[in-house]
């Protein structure tokens, strides 16, 4: 029986994040909340900076071959989307930027097999 390395084992068919152009898009998705957070004050500032910084930390851990972080990326994006909807005032600039960024993060972190199954 051939031995497999630990880095090749996947949980629920989800591989760790590979370094490449798709990962760059995930990094860029966190920039709008950071910029909107720096331009705001009070709660929108704290929430925008928290979204951006926590997303950067999760991406770094997910790139370091931690499968749990790769599994937490869609859950974190969903949680940030719900928090933005519940906390920020509707139709404010921070609400618009943070909600679109959280939705983009969520859509980009779906496993490809799940998306293909849902579409077909």
C-alpha atoms as a PDB file:
ATOM      1  CA  UNK A   1       0.000   0.000   0.000  1.00  0.00           C
ATOM      2  CA  UNK A   2       1.567   3.298  -1.050  1.00  0.00           C
ATOM      3  CA  UNK A   3       2.072   5.910   1.606  1.00  0.00           C
ATOM      4  CA  UNK A   4       0.469   9.290   1.141  1.00  0.00           C
ATOM      5  CA  UNK A   5       1.804  12.422   2.697  1.00  0.00           C
ATOM      6  CA  UNK A   6      -0.356  14.378   5.073  1.00  0.00           C
ATOM      7  CA  UNK A   7      -0.465  17.327   2.670  1.00  0.00           C
ATOM      8  CA  UNK A   8      -2.323  15.222   0.067  1.00  0.00           C
ATOM      9  CA  UNK A   9      -5.181  14.208   2.390  1.00  0.00           C
ATOM     10  CA  UNK A  10      -8.335  16.293   2.053  1.00  0.00           C
ATOM     11  CA  UNK A  11     -11.283  16.780   4.361  1.00  0.00           C
ATOM     12  CA  UNK A  12     -14.648  16.571   2.590  1.00  0.00           C
ATOM     13  CA  UNK A  13     -12.898  16.834  -0.771  1.00  0.00           C
ATOM     14  CA  UNK A  14     -11.498  20.298   0.010  1.00  0.00           C
ATOM     15  CA  UNK A  15      -7.828  20.850  -0.718  1.00  0.00           C
ATOM     16  CA  UNK A  16      -5.766  23.557   0.976  1.00  0.00           C
ATOM     17  CA  UNK A  17      -5.498  26.814  -0.910  1.00  0.00           C
ATOM     18  CA  UNK A  18      -2.929  26.698  -3.693  1.00  0.00           C
ATOM     19  CA  UNK A  19      -0.783  29.746  -4.292  1.00  0.00           C
ATOM     20  CA  UNK A  20      -1.702  31.401  -7.566  1.00  0.00           C
ATOM     21  CA  UNK A  21      -3.961  33.905  -9.266  1.00  0.00           C
ATOM     22  CA  UNK A  22      -7.115  32.676  -7.488  1.00  0.00           C
ATOM     23  CA  UNK A  23      -5.462  33.344  -4.134  1.00  0.00           C
ATOM     24  CA  UNK A  24      -4.500  36.831  -5.291  1.00  0.00           C
ATOM     25  CA  UNK A  25      -8.186  37.529  -5.988  1.00  0.00           C
ATOM     26  CA  UNK A  26      -9.020  36.420  -2.442  1.00  0.00           C
ATOM     27  CA  UNK A  27      -6.386  38.820  -1.089  1.00  0.00           C
ATOM     28  CA  UNK A  28      -7.754  41.680  -3.180  1.00  0.00           C
ATOM     29  CA  UNK A  29     -11.300  41.069  -1.910  1.00  0.00           C
ATOM     30  CA  UNK A  30     -10.234  42.224   1.550  1.00  0.00           C
ATOM     31  CA  UNK A  31      -8.918  45.599   0.416  1.00  0.00           C
ATOM     32  CA  UNK A  32     -12.241  47.495  -0.013  1.00  0.00           C
ATOM     33  CA  UNK A  33     -13.366  46.934   3.612  1.00  0.00           C
ATOM     34  CA  UNK A  34      -9.949  48.093   4.815  1.00  0.00           C
ATOM     35  CA  UNK A  35     -10.075  51.264   2.713  1.00  0.00           C
ATOM     36  CA  UNK A  36     -13.690  51.989   3.720  1.00  0.00           C
ATOM     37  CA  UNK A  37     -12.790  51.290   7.328  1.00  0.00           C
ATOM     38  CA  UNK A  38      -9.910  53.749   7.242  1.00  0.00           C
ATOM     39  CA  UNK A  39     -12.161  56.417   5.705  1.00  0.00           C
ATOM     40  CA  UNK A  40     -14.917  55.933   8.305  1.00  0.00           C
ATOM     41  CA  UNK A  41     -15.140  56.510  12.016  1.00  0.00           C
ATOM     42  CA  UNK A  42     -16.707  54.627  14.894  1.00  0.00           C
ATOM     43  CA  UNK A  43     -18.415  51.274  14.324  1.00  0.00           C
ATOM     44  CA  UNK A  44     -18.021  51.177  10.507  1.00  0.00           C
ATOM     45  CA  UNK A  45     -14.290  51.723  10.933  1.00  0.00           C
ATOM     46  CA  UNK A  46     -13.944  48.934  13.494  1.00  0.00           C
ATOM     47  CA  UNK A  47     -16.046  46.509  11.466  1.00  0.00           C
ATOM     48  CA  UNK A  48     -14.259  47.216   8.162  1.00  0.00           C
ATOM     49  CA  UNK A  49     -10.834  46.804   9.716  1.00  0.00           C
ATOM     50  CA  UNK A  50     -11.910  43.652  11.559  1.00  0.00           C
ATOM     51  CA  UNK A  51     -13.265  42.102   8.343  1.00  0.00           C
ATOM     52  CA  UNK A  52     -10.109  42.884   6.363  1.00  0.00           C
ATOM     53  CA  UNK A  53      -7.599  41.854   9.009  1.00  0.00           C
ATOM     54  CA  UNK A  54      -9.386  38.631   9.950  1.00  0.00           C
ATOM     55  CA  UNK A  55      -9.656  37.719   6.250  1.00  0.00           C
ATOM     56  CA  UNK A  56      -5.901  38.258   5.801  1.00  0.00           C
ATOM     57  CA  UNK A  57      -5.143  36.077   8.835  1.00  0.00           C
ATOM     58  CA  UNK A  58      -7.430  33.272   7.634  1.00  0.00           C
ATOM     59  CA  UNK A  59      -5.848  33.366   4.168  1.00  0.00           C
ATOM     60  CA  UNK A  60      -2.329  33.170   5.577  1.00  0.00           C
ATOM     61  CA  UNK A  61      -3.273  30.181   7.724  1.00  0.00           C
ATOM     62  CA  UNK A  62      -5.130  28.513   4.822  1.00  0.00           C
ATOM     63  CA  UNK A  63      -2.085  28.928   2.570  1.00  0.00           C
ATOM     64  CA  UNK A  64       0.053  27.282   5.243  1.00  0.00           C
ATOM     65  CA  UNK A  65      -1.680  23.943   4.563  1.00  0.00           C
ATOM     66  CA  UNK A  66      -4.196  24.219   7.381  1.00  0.00           C
ATOM     67  CA  UNK A  67      -7.353  22.546   6.114  1.00  0.00           C
ATOM     68  CA  UNK A  68      -9.454  23.820   8.984  1.00  0.00           C
ATOM     69  CA  UNK A  69      -8.779  27.405   7.895  1.00  0.00           C
ATOM     70  CA  UNK A  70      -9.669  26.492   4.311  1.00  0.00           C
ATOM     71  CA  UNK A  71     -12.957  25.099   5.612  1.00  0.00           C
ATOM     72  CA  UNK A  72     -13.547  28.224   7.709  1.00  0.00           C
ATOM     73  CA  UNK A  73     -13.162  30.686   4.809  1.00  0.00           C
ATOM     74  CA  UNK A  74     -16.769  30.323   3.507  1.00  0.00           C
ATOM     75  CA  UNK A  75     -18.139  30.296   7.058  1.00  0.00           C
ATOM     76  CA  UNK A  76     -16.219  33.449   7.952  1.00  0.00           C
ATOM     77  CA  UNK A  77     -17.403  35.222   4.802  1.00  0.00           C
ATOM     78  CA  UNK A  78     -21.011  34.276   5.586  1.00  0.00           C
ATOM     79  CA  UNK A  79     -20.632  35.466   9.164  1.00  0.00           C
ATOM     80  CA  UNK A  80     -19.204  38.797   8.035  1.00  0.00           C
ATOM     81  CA  UNK A  81     -22.040  39.255   5.543  1.00  0.00           C
ATOM     82  CA  UNK A  82     -24.658  38.649   8.265  1.00  0.00           C
ATOM     83  CA  UNK A  83     -22.858  40.941  10.725  1.00  0.00           C
ATOM     84  CA  UNK A  84     -22.700  43.736   8.145  1.00  0.00           C
ATOM     85  CA  UNK A  85     -26.417  43.373   7.399  1.00  0.00           C
ATOM     86  CA  UNK A  86     -27.345  43.475  11.082  1.00  0.00           C
ATOM     87  CA  UNK A  87     -24.971  46.131  12.423  1.00  0.00           C
ATOM     88  CA  UNK A  88     -24.273  48.827   9.835  1.00  0.00           C
ATOM     89  CA  UNK A  89     -26.852  51.455   8.844  1.00  0.00           C
ATOM     90  CA  UNK A  90     -28.600  50.579   5.608  1.00  0.00           C
ATOM     91  CA  UNK A  91     -27.338  52.284   2.438  1.00  0.00           C
ATOM     92  CA  UNK A  92     -24.302  53.868   4.111  1.00  0.00           C
ATOM     93  CA  UNK A  93     -21.027  53.755   2.167  1.00  0.00           C
ATOM     94  CA  UNK A  94     -19.513  51.319   4.683  1.00  0.00           C
ATOM     95  CA  UNK A  95     -22.595  49.069   4.410  1.00  0.00           C
ATOM     96  CA  UNK A  96     -22.354  48.929   0.626  1.00  0.00           C
ATOM     97  CA  UNK A  97     -18.609  48.310   0.496  1.00  0.00           C
ATOM     98  CA  UNK A  98     -18.516  45.756   3.322  1.00  0.00           C
ATOM     99  CA  UNK A  99     -21.573  43.812   2.161  1.00  0.00           C
ATOM    100  CA  UNK A 100     -20.334  43.523  -1.436  1.00  0.00           C
ATOM    101  CA  UNK A 101     -16.858  42.545  -0.255  1.00  0.00           C
ATOM    102  CA  UNK A 102     -18.241  39.875   2.104  1.00  0.00           C
ATOM    103  CA  UNK A 103     -20.471  38.524  -0.657  1.00  0.00           C
ATOM    104  CA  UNK A 104     -17.516  38.401  -3.075  1.00  0.00           C
ATOM    105  CA  UNK A 105     -15.430  36.603  -0.445  1.00  0.00           C
ATOM    106  CA  UNK A 106     -18.229  34.084   0.037  1.00  0.00           C
ATOM    107  CA  UNK A 107     -18.678  33.397  -3.672  1.00  0.00           C
ATOM    108  CA  UNK A 108     -14.944  33.043  -4.298  1.00  0.00           C
ATOM    109  CA  UNK A 109     -14.454  30.512  -1.503  1.00  0.00           C
ATOM    110  CA  UNK A 110     -17.102  27.994  -2.582  1.00  0.00           C
ATOM    111  CA  UNK A 111     -15.554  24.651  -3.519  1.00  0.00           C
ATOM    112  CA  UNK A 112     -15.693  24.202  -7.282  1.00  0.00           C
ATOM    113  CA  UNK A 113     -17.318  20.754  -7.079  1.00  0.00           C
ATOM    114  CA  UNK A 114     -20.199  22.126  -4.998  1.00  0.00           C
ATOM    115  CA  UNK A 115     -20.768  24.931  -7.492  1.00  0.00           C
ATOM    116  CA  UNK A 116     -20.761  22.508 -10.442  1.00  0.00           C
ATOM    117  CA  UNK A 117     -23.223  20.196  -8.660  1.00  0.00           C
ATOM    118  CA  UNK A 118     -25.583  23.046  -7.780  1.00  0.00           C
ATOM    119  CA  UNK A 119     -25.588  24.406 -11.329  1.00  0.00           C
ATOM    120  CA  UNK A 120     -26.215  21.097 -13.086  1.00  0.00           C
END
